[in-house]
Amino acid sequence: MVLCGSNYYEQKYYFNDEVFGKLPQAIKEELQIMCVLFTEDIGGVLILEYTPEGELMLRVESDESDLLYDEIGSALKVKQLQSEKQELLESLELYYRVVIKGETDAISN
Protein backbone atom coordinates (compact mmCIF):
# COMPACT_ATOMS: atom_id res chain seq x y z
CA MET A 1 0.00 0.00 0.00
CA VAL A 2 1.39 3.37 -1.04
CA LEU A 3 1.63 6.15 1.55
CA CYS A 4 3.04 8.86 -0.70
CA GLY A 5 5.47 9.57 -3.47
CA SER A 6 7.17 12.18 -5.58
CA ASN A 7 7.90 12.07 -9.31
CA TYR A 8 10.68 14.26 -10.68
CA TYR A 9 9.72 13.62 -14.31
CA GLU A 10 6.12 14.80 -13.90
CA GLN A 11 6.91 17.32 -11.12
CA LYS A 12 4.13 15.81 -8.99
CA TYR A 13 3.64 14.73 -5.40
CA TYR A 14 1.05 12.12 -4.39
CA PHE A 15 -0.37 11.42 -0.94
CA ASN A 16 -2.83 8.58 -0.32
CA ASP A 17 -5.40 10.78 1.41
CA GLU A 18 -8.13 8.14 1.08
CA VAL A 19 -6.36 5.79 3.50
CA PHE A 20 -4.06 8.11 5.45
CA GLY A 21 -6.13 11.30 5.50
CA LYS A 22 -6.40 11.28 9.30
CA LEU A 23 -2.66 11.77 9.78
CA PRO A 24 -1.84 15.16 11.32
CA GLN A 25 -1.23 17.93 8.78
CA ALA A 26 2.32 18.48 10.08
CA ILE A 27 3.18 14.83 9.26
CA LYS A 28 1.68 15.17 5.78
CA GLU A 29 3.73 18.31 5.18
CA GLU A 30 6.93 16.69 6.46
CA LEU A 31 6.40 13.73 4.12
CA GLN A 32 5.79 16.06 1.18
CA ILE A 33 8.94 18.08 1.88
CA MET A 34 11.01 14.92 2.33
CA CYS A 35 9.80 13.32 -0.92
CA VAL A 36 9.99 16.43 -3.09
CA LEU A 37 13.47 17.39 -1.86
CA PHE A 38 14.64 13.83 -2.54
CA THR A 39 13.47 13.83 -6.15
CA GLU A 40 14.72 17.38 -6.75
CA ASP A 41 18.16 16.36 -5.50
CA ILE A 42 18.43 12.84 -6.96
CA GLY A 43 15.81 12.67 -9.71
CA GLY A 44 13.60 9.69 -10.47
CA VAL A 45 10.58 8.64 -8.47
CA LEU A 46 10.44 8.08 -4.71
CA ILE A 47 7.59 5.97 -3.34
CA LEU A 48 6.94 5.29 0.34
CA GLU A 49 4.97 2.08 0.57
CA TYR A 50 4.09 -0.53 3.15
CA THR A 51 4.92 -4.21 2.85
CA PRO A 52 2.16 -6.66 3.80
CA GLU A 53 3.92 -7.02 7.18
CA GLY A 54 3.63 -3.27 7.81
CA GLU A 55 7.23 -2.23 7.14
CA LEU A 56 7.57 1.16 5.45
CA MET A 57 9.85 0.90 2.42
CA LEU A 58 11.43 3.74 0.44
CA ARG A 59 11.41 2.57 -3.17
CA VAL A 60 13.22 4.54 -5.88
CA GLU A 61 12.68 4.14 -9.61
CA SER A 62 14.08 5.92 -12.64
CA ASP A 63 13.59 6.00 -16.39
CA GLU A 64 16.20 3.94 -18.22
CA SER A 65 16.79 6.88 -20.53
CA ASP A 66 17.53 9.28 -17.65
CA LEU A 67 21.29 9.77 -17.90
CA LEU A 68 21.29 12.36 -15.11
CA TYR A 69 19.77 10.02 -12.51
CA ASP A 70 22.26 9.33 -9.72
CA GLU A 71 21.83 5.67 -8.69
CA ILE A 72 24.64 5.71 -6.12
CA GLY A 73 23.47 9.02 -4.70
CA SER A 74 19.97 7.60 -4.52
CA ALA A 75 21.02 4.68 -2.35
CA LEU A 76 23.04 6.98 -0.09
CA LYS A 77 20.15 9.45 0.20
CA VAL A 78 17.71 6.66 1.13
CA LYS A 79 20.06 5.54 3.93
CA GLN A 80 20.39 9.15 5.08
CA LEU A 81 16.60 9.59 5.19
CA GLN A 82 16.16 6.31 7.05
CA SER A 83 18.65 7.51 9.65
CA GLU A 84 17.50 11.13 9.97
CA LYS A 85 13.78 10.33 9.82
CA GLN A 86 13.94 7.08 11.81
CA GLU A 87 11.48 8.23 14.47
CA LEU A 88 8.97 9.47 11.89
CA LEU A 89 9.23 6.29 9.81
CA GLU A 90 8.85 4.03 12.86
CA SER A 91 5.82 6.04 14.01
CA LEU A 92 4.25 5.69 10.56
CA GLU A 93 4.82 1.92 10.67
CA LEU A 94 3.12 1.74 14.07
CA TYR A 95 0.23 3.91 12.81
CA TYR A 96 -0.23 1.60 9.84
CA ARG A 97 -0.22 -1.58 11.91
CA VAL A 98 -2.56 -0.24 14.62
CA VAL A 99 -4.94 2.12 12.78
CA ILE A 100 -5.04 0.64 9.27
CA LYS A 101 -4.49 -3.08 9.94
CA GLY A 102 -6.01 -3.12 13.44
CA GLU A 103 -3.13 -4.97 15.12
CA THR A 104 -3.61 -4.25 18.81
CA ASP A 105 -0.54 -6.29 19.76
CA ALA A 106 1.67 -3.82 17.81
CA ILE A 107 1.21 -1.28 20.60
CA SER A 108 2.95 -3.42 23.21
CA ASN A 109 5.97 -4.07 20.93
C-alpha atoms as a PDB file:
ATOM      1  CA  MET A   1       0.000   0.000   0.000  1.00  0.00           C
ATOM      2  CA  VAL A   2       1.391   3.372  -1.036  1.00  0.00           C
ATOM      3  CA  LEU A   3       1.628   6.148   1.548  1.00  0.00           C
ATOM      4  CA  CYS A   4       3.044   8.864  -0.700  1.00  0.00           C
ATOM      5  CA  GLY A   5       5.475   9.566  -3.470  1.00  0.00           C
ATOM      6  CA  SER A   6       7.170  12.181  -5.583  1.00  0.00           C
ATOM      7  CA  ASN A   7       7.901  12.073  -9.307  1.00  0.00           C
ATOM      8  CA  TYR A   8      10.684  14.262 -10.676  1.00  0.00           C
ATOM      9  CA  TYR A   9       9.718  13.624 -14.311  1.00  0.00           C
ATOM     10  CA  GLU A  10       6.121  14.796 -13.899  1.00  0.00           C
ATOM     11  CA  GLN A  11       6.907  17.324 -11.124  1.00  0.00           C
ATOM     12  CA  LYS A  12       4.126  15.813  -8.995  1.00  0.00           C
ATOM     13  CA  TYR A  13       3.636  14.727  -5.400  1.00  0.00           C
ATOM     14  CA  TYR A  14       1.053  12.121  -4.387  1.00  0.00           C
ATOM     15  CA  PHE A  15      -0.369  11.424  -0.941  1.00  0.00           C
ATOM     16  CA  ASN A  16      -2.828   8.584  -0.318  1.00  0.00           C
ATOM     17  CA  ASP A  17      -5.395  10.778   1.406  1.00  0.00           C
ATOM     18  CA  GLU A  18      -8.126   8.143   1.079  1.00  0.00           C
ATOM     19  CA  VAL A  19      -6.360   5.788   3.504  1.00  0.00           C
ATOM     20  CA  PHE A  20      -4.057   8.115   5.446  1.00  0.00           C
ATOM     21  CA  GLY A  21      -6.134  11.296   5.502  1.00  0.00           C
ATOM     22  CA  LYS A  22      -6.397  11.277   9.296  1.00  0.00           C
ATOM     23  CA  LEU A  23      -2.659  11.767   9.783  1.00  0.00           C
ATOM     24  CA  PRO A  24      -1.837  15.157  11.318  1.00  0.00           C
ATOM     25  CA  GLN A  25      -1.234  17.933   8.783  1.00  0.00           C
ATOM     26  CA  ALA A  26       2.318  18.478  10.078  1.00  0.00           C
ATOM     27  CA  ILE A  27       3.178  14.835   9.263  1.00  0.00           C
ATOM     28  CA  LYS A  28       1.676  15.168   5.781  1.00  0.00           C
ATOM     29  CA  GLU A  29       3.726  18.309   5.180  1.00  0.00           C
ATOM     30  CA  GLU A  30       6.933  16.692   6.462  1.00  0.00           C
ATOM     31  CA  LEU A  31       6.398  13.733   4.119  1.00  0.00           C
ATOM     32  CA  GLN A  32       5.795  16.057   1.178  1.00  0.00           C
ATOM     33  CA  ILE A  33       8.943  18.076   1.876  1.00  0.00           C
ATOM     34  CA  MET A  34      11.008  14.922   2.335  1.00  0.00           C
ATOM     35  CA  CYS A  35       9.802  13.322  -0.918  1.00  0.00           C
ATOM     36  CA  VAL A  36       9.992  16.433  -3.094  1.00  0.00           C
ATOM     37  CA  LEU A  37      13.469  17.385  -1.859  1.00  0.00           C
ATOM     38  CA  PHE A  38      14.644  13.834  -2.536  1.00  0.00           C
ATOM     39  CA  THR A  39      13.473  13.831  -6.148  1.00  0.00           C
ATOM     40  CA  GLU A  40      14.715  17.375  -6.747  1.00  0.00           C
ATOM     41  CA  ASP A  41      18.164  16.359  -5.496  1.00  0.00           C
ATOM     42  CA  ILE A  42      18.427  12.841  -6.960  1.00  0.00           C
ATOM     43  CA  GLY A  43      15.805  12.673  -9.706  1.00  0.00           C
ATOM     44  CA  GLY A  44      13.603   9.692 -10.472  1.00  0.00           C
ATOM     45  CA  VAL A  45      10.584   8.645  -8.471  1.00  0.00           C
ATOM     46  CA  LEU A  46      10.444   8.077  -4.714  1.00  0.00           C
ATOM     47  CA  ILE A  47       7.594   5.970  -3.340  1.00  0.00           C
ATOM     48  CA  LEU A  48       6.943   5.293   0.343  1.00  0.00           C
ATOM     49  CA  GLU A  49       4.966   2.079   0.573  1.00  0.00           C
ATOM     50  CA  TYR A  50       4.089  -0.529   3.150  1.00  0.00           C
ATOM     51  CA  THR A  51       4.925  -4.209   2.850  1.00  0.00           C
ATOM     52  CA  PRO A  52       2.159  -6.658   3.797  1.00  0.00           C
ATOM     53  CA  GLU A  53       3.915  -7.017   7.181  1.00  0.00           C
ATOM     54  CA  GLY A  54       3.633  -3.267   7.811  1.00  0.00           C
ATOM     55  CA  GLU A  55       7.230  -2.229   7.142  1.00  0.00           C
ATOM     56  CA  LEU A  56       7.571   1.158   5.447  1.00  0.00           C
ATOM     57  CA  MET A  57       9.853   0.902   2.422  1.00  0.00           C
ATOM     58  CA  LEU A  58      11.432   3.737   0.444  1.00  0.00           C
ATOM     59  CA  ARG A  59      11.409   2.571  -3.172  1.00  0.00           C
ATOM     60  CA  VAL A  60      13.217   4.538  -5.878  1.00  0.00           C
ATOM     61  CA  GLU A  61      12.683   4.144  -9.614  1.00  0.00           C
ATOM     62  CA  SER A  62      14.080   5.915 -12.644  1.00  0.00           C
ATOM     63  CA  ASP A  63      13.591   5.998 -16.389  1.00  0.00           C
ATOM     64  CA  GLU A  64      16.195   3.938 -18.216  1.00  0.00           C
ATOM     65  CA  SER A  65      16.788   6.884 -20.534  1.00  0.00           C
ATOM     66  CA  ASP A  66      17.534   9.277 -17.651  1.00  0.00           C
ATOM     67  CA  LEU A  67      21.291   9.772 -17.904  1.00  0.00           C
ATOM     68  CA  LEU A  68      21.288  12.361 -15.109  1.00  0.00           C
ATOM     69  CA  TYR A  69      19.766  10.024 -12.505  1.00  0.00           C
ATOM     70  CA  ASP A  70      22.263   9.329  -9.721  1.00  0.00           C
ATOM     71  CA  GLU A  71      21.825   5.673  -8.693  1.00  0.00           C
ATOM     72  CA  ILE A  72      24.639   5.705  -6.116  1.00  0.00           C
ATOM     73  CA  GLY A  73      23.471   9.022  -4.695  1.00  0.00           C
ATOM     74  CA  SER A  74      19.969   7.602  -4.517  1.00  0.00           C
ATOM     75  CA  ALA A  75      21.021   4.675  -2.346  1.00  0.00           C
ATOM     76  CA  LEU A  76      23.036   6.980  -0.088  1.00  0.00           C
ATOM     77  CA  LYS A  77      20.152   9.448   0.199  1.00  0.00           C
ATOM     78  CA  VAL A  78      17.711   6.661   1.133  1.00  0.00           C
ATOM     79  CA  LYS A  79      20.057   5.538   3.928  1.00  0.00           C
ATOM     80  CA  GLN A  80      20.389   9.147   5.077  1.00  0.00           C
ATOM     81  CA  LEU A  81      16.605   9.591   5.192  1.00  0.00           C
ATOM     82  CA  GLN A  82      16.159   6.312   7.049  1.00  0.00           C
ATOM     83  CA  SER A  83      18.652   7.514   9.648  1.00  0.00           C
ATOM     84  CA  GLU A  84      17.504  11.135   9.967  1.00  0.00           C
ATOM     85  CA  LYS A  85      13.781  10.327   9.821  1.00  0.00           C
ATOM     86  CA  GLN A  86      13.937   7.081  11.806  1.00  0.00           C
ATOM     87  CA  GLU A  87      11.480   8.228  14.472  1.00  0.00           C
ATOM     88  CA  LEU A  88       8.969   9.469  11.888  1.00  0.00           C
ATOM     89  CA  LEU A  89       9.226   6.287   9.808  1.00  0.00           C
ATOM     90  CA  GLU A  90       8.848   4.031  12.859  1.00  0.00           C
ATOM     91  CA  SER A  91       5.823   6.041  14.007  1.00  0.00           C
ATOM     92  CA  LEU A  92       4.251   5.688  10.557  1.00  0.00           C
ATOM     93  CA  GLU A  93       4.818   1.921  10.672  1.00  0.00           C
ATOM     94  CA  LEU A  94       3.118   1.742  14.074  1.00  0.00           C
ATOM     95  CA  TYR A  95       0.234   3.908  12.812  1.00  0.00           C
ATOM     96  CA  TYR A  96      -0.233   1.596   9.838  1.00  0.00           C
ATOM     97  CA  ARG A  97      -0.217  -1.580  11.913  1.00  0.00           C
ATOM     98  CA  VAL A  98      -2.564  -0.237  14.616  1.00  0.00           C
ATOM     99  CA  VAL A  99      -4.938   2.120  12.779  1.00  0.00           C
ATOM    100  CA  ILE A 100      -5.043   0.639   9.268  1.00  0.00           C
ATOM    101  CA  LYS A 101      -4.488  -3.079   9.942  1.00  0.00           C
ATOM    102  CA  GLY A 102      -6.005  -3.124  13.443  1.00  0.00           C
ATOM    103  CA  GLU A 103      -3.126  -4.973  15.123  1.00  0.00           C
ATOM    104  CA  THR A 104      -3.614  -4.246  18.811  1.00  0.00           C
ATOM    105  CA  ASP A 105      -0.537  -6.291  19.756  1.00  0.00           C
ATOM    106  CA  ALA A 106       1.669  -3.819  17.814  1.00  0.00           C
ATOM    107  CA  ILE A 107       1.209  -1.276  20.604  1.00  0.00           C
ATOM    108  CA  SER A 108       2.954  -3.422  23.208  1.00  0.00           C
ATOM    109  CA  ASN A 109       5.968  -4.068  20.926  1.00  0.00           C
END
